[in-house]
């Protein structure tokens, strides 16, 4: 599926034409397509992190249980920020498991991995979300969409910091 087909599939409706915020409809559609991909990654990472919070065991239980809770809470709040930015631009935010699974670069983890594997998987997930956020910048910058670049900068900072903190737990 090419980028245009994904945009059409992701938001069957076109940008609301009556919106006049200084960003044309075509640019808003591209930005929303990118933001919906970030929303899918954010939700997938939220779900994975919350699952690991519930199921972590071992000598690092308390540290990881608390860290995972802090991270999934932040991710849950971020889903709302991203979805509301999409709506502000005049397109629908994706919101079903089917859509999240289809458009996320972060795949589900089957079963319950051990604590060290959970950490590795969350490093990978945060790095993937950072890459997705980074891919959103060109369209937002081209359109002069500072509000979206603000959201993206925040997401990059969070995902890069979380990846670093988790990675630090794996060092010997």
Protein backbone atom coordinates (compact mmCIF):
# COMPACT_ATOMS: atom_id res chain seq x y z
CA UNK A 1 0.00 0.00 0.00
CA UNK A 2 1.48 3.36 -0.96
CA UNK A 3 1.40 6.52 1.15
CA UNK A 4 -1.65 7.96 -0.62
CA UNK A 5 -3.63 4.72 -0.27
CA UNK A 6 -2.76 4.65 3.43
CA UNK A 7 -3.99 8.23 3.86
CA UNK A 8 -7.22 7.39 2.07
CA UNK A 9 -7.63 4.22 4.12
CA UNK A 10 -6.77 5.98 7.37
CA UNK A 11 -9.24 8.79 6.96
CA UNK A 12 -11.97 8.10 4.42
CA UNK A 13 -13.13 11.68 4.83
CA UNK A 14 -11.22 14.61 3.44
CA UNK A 15 -10.21 17.55 5.56
CA UNK A 16 -13.11 19.72 6.61
CA UNK A 17 -13.15 22.45 3.94
CA UNK A 18 -14.45 25.31 6.12
CA UNK A 19 -11.37 25.38 8.34
CA UNK A 20 -9.19 28.43 7.74
CA UNK A 21 -6.24 28.22 10.14
CA UNK A 22 -3.55 29.05 7.60
CA UNK A 23 -2.85 25.44 6.59
CA UNK A 24 -4.41 24.23 3.34
CA UNK A 25 -6.55 21.07 3.25
CA UNK A 26 -3.97 18.96 1.41
CA UNK A 27 -1.25 19.81 3.96
CA UNK A 28 -3.66 19.15 6.84
CA UNK A 29 -4.47 15.73 5.36
CA UNK A 30 -0.77 14.79 5.14
CA UNK A 31 -0.06 16.04 8.67
CA UNK A 32 -3.05 14.11 10.03
CA UNK A 33 -1.98 10.96 8.20
CA UNK A 34 1.42 11.22 9.88
CA UNK A 35 -0.09 12.05 13.29
CA UNK A 36 -2.46 9.08 13.05
CA UNK A 37 0.55 6.80 12.51
CA UNK A 38 2.11 8.33 15.64
CA UNK A 39 -1.18 7.84 17.47
CA UNK A 40 -1.16 4.16 16.48
CA UNK A 41 2.43 3.75 17.73
CA UNK A 42 1.64 5.60 20.94
CA UNK A 43 -1.40 3.43 21.66
CA UNK A 44 0.46 0.21 20.84
CA UNK A 45 3.33 1.23 23.13
CA UNK A 46 0.86 2.25 25.84
CA UNK A 47 -0.83 -1.15 25.70
CA UNK A 48 2.47 -3.03 25.73
CA UNK A 49 3.81 -0.98 28.64
CA UNK A 50 0.63 -1.41 30.66
CA UNK A 51 0.65 -5.16 30.00
CA UNK A 52 4.25 -5.38 31.18
CA UNK A 53 3.39 -3.32 34.29
CA UNK A 54 0.77 -5.90 35.21
CA UNK A 55 2.93 -8.93 34.48
CA UNK A 56 6.52 -8.05 35.41
CA UNK A 57 8.19 -10.34 37.96
CA UNK A 58 11.65 -10.89 39.34
CA UNK A 59 14.25 -9.05 41.40
CA UNK A 60 13.60 -5.72 39.64
CA UNK A 61 9.83 -5.99 40.13
CA UNK A 62 9.27 -2.84 42.18
CA UNK A 63 11.54 -0.63 40.06
CA UNK A 64 10.02 -1.83 36.79
CA UNK A 65 6.44 -1.87 38.07
CA UNK A 66 6.73 1.80 39.07
CA UNK A 67 8.67 2.83 35.94
CA UNK A 68 6.21 1.09 33.62
CA UNK A 69 3.28 2.77 35.40
CA UNK A 70 4.83 6.21 34.96
CA UNK A 71 5.47 5.48 31.29
CA UNK A 72 2.06 4.03 30.45
CA UNK A 73 0.33 6.93 32.21
CA UNK A 74 2.31 9.43 30.13
CA UNK A 75 1.57 7.45 26.95
CA UNK A 76 -2.15 7.32 27.73
CA UNK A 77 -2.22 11.10 28.13
CA UNK A 78 -0.25 11.51 24.90
CA UNK A 79 -2.87 9.59 22.91
CA UNK A 80 -5.37 12.29 23.78
CA UNK A 81 -3.00 15.11 22.85
CA UNK A 82 -2.19 13.54 19.47
CA UNK A 83 -5.81 12.65 18.66
CA UNK A 84 -7.00 16.13 19.59
CA UNK A 85 -4.33 17.67 17.35
CA UNK A 86 -5.66 15.57 14.44
CA UNK A 87 -9.20 16.76 15.22
CA UNK A 88 -8.00 20.37 15.45
CA UNK A 89 -6.70 20.01 11.91
CA UNK A 90 -10.12 18.84 10.75
CA UNK A 91 -9.76 15.11 10.18
CA UNK A 92 -10.82 12.06 12.18
CA UNK A 93 -8.40 10.48 14.60
CA UNK A 94 -8.12 6.72 14.27
CA UNK A 95 -9.47 4.90 17.29
CA UNK A 96 -10.00 1.18 16.79
CA UNK A 97 -7.76 -1.78 17.57
CA UNK A 98 -7.92 -2.72 13.89
CA UNK A 99 -6.63 0.69 12.81
CA UNK A 100 -3.98 0.84 15.53
CA UNK A 101 -2.72 -2.61 14.63
CA UNK A 102 -2.72 -1.82 10.92
CA UNK A 103 -0.86 1.50 11.13
CA UNK A 104 1.48 0.96 14.08
CA UNK A 105 5.11 0.08 13.53
CA UNK A 106 5.07 -1.51 17.03
CA UNK A 107 3.76 -5.04 17.03
CA UNK A 108 2.08 -6.90 19.86
CA UNK A 109 4.13 -9.15 22.10
CA UNK A 110 2.63 -12.59 22.55
CA UNK A 111 2.83 -14.23 25.95
CA UNK A 112 4.65 -12.82 28.95
CA UNK A 113 8.36 -12.20 28.39
CA UNK A 114 10.82 -12.11 31.27
CA UNK A 115 11.67 -8.72 32.79
CA UNK A 116 14.85 -8.22 30.74
CA UNK A 117 13.01 -8.95 27.50
CA UNK A 118 10.24 -6.57 28.54
CA UNK A 119 12.85 -3.84 28.92
CA UNK A 120 14.34 -4.62 25.50
CA UNK A 121 10.93 -4.62 23.86
CA UNK A 122 10.08 -1.26 25.42
CA UNK A 123 13.41 0.20 24.28
CA UNK A 124 12.56 -0.97 20.75
CA UNK A 125 9.03 0.43 21.05
CA UNK A 126 10.19 3.84 22.25
CA UNK A 127 12.80 3.99 19.50
CA UNK A 128 10.16 3.07 16.92
CA UNK A 129 7.80 5.78 18.22
CA UNK A 130 10.67 8.30 18.08
CA UNK A 131 11.33 7.35 14.45
CA UNK A 132 7.64 7.75 13.63
CA UNK A 133 7.52 11.16 15.34
CA UNK A 134 10.63 12.24 13.45
CA UNK A 135 8.98 11.28 10.12
CA UNK A 136 6.09 13.64 10.91
CA UNK A 137 8.22 16.79 10.97
CA UNK A 138 8.65 17.45 7.23
CA UNK A 139 4.93 17.89 6.48
CA UNK A 140 4.31 19.95 9.62
CA UNK A 141 7.33 22.16 9.02
CA UNK A 142 6.46 22.63 5.33
CA UNK A 143 3.00 23.82 6.32
CA UNK A 144 4.27 26.11 9.09
CA UNK A 145 2.31 24.05 11.63
CA UNK A 146 4.11 25.05 14.82
CA UNK A 147 1.45 23.49 17.06
CA UNK A 148 2.09 20.07 15.54
CA UNK A 149 5.87 20.50 15.69
CA UNK A 150 5.45 21.31 19.40
CA UNK A 151 3.60 18.03 19.93
CA UNK A 152 6.25 16.15 17.92
CA UNK A 153 9.13 17.71 19.83
CA UNK A 154 7.53 16.68 23.11
CA UNK A 155 7.00 13.12 21.85
CA UNK A 156 10.60 12.85 20.67
CA UNK A 157 11.92 14.02 24.01
CA UNK A 158 9.77 11.53 25.91
CA UNK A 159 10.54 8.53 23.71
CA UNK A 160 14.26 9.19 23.50
CA UNK A 161 14.49 9.69 27.28
CA UNK A 162 12.43 6.57 28.01
CA UNK A 163 14.56 4.50 25.63
CA UNK A 164 17.73 5.77 27.34
CA UNK A 165 16.40 5.07 30.85
CA UNK A 166 15.28 1.57 29.89
CA UNK A 167 18.51 0.86 28.00
CA UNK A 168 20.45 1.88 31.12
CA UNK A 169 18.81 -0.96 33.03
CA UNK A 170 20.31 -3.46 30.56
CA UNK A 171 23.91 -2.27 30.98
CA UNK A 172 26.23 -4.42 33.05
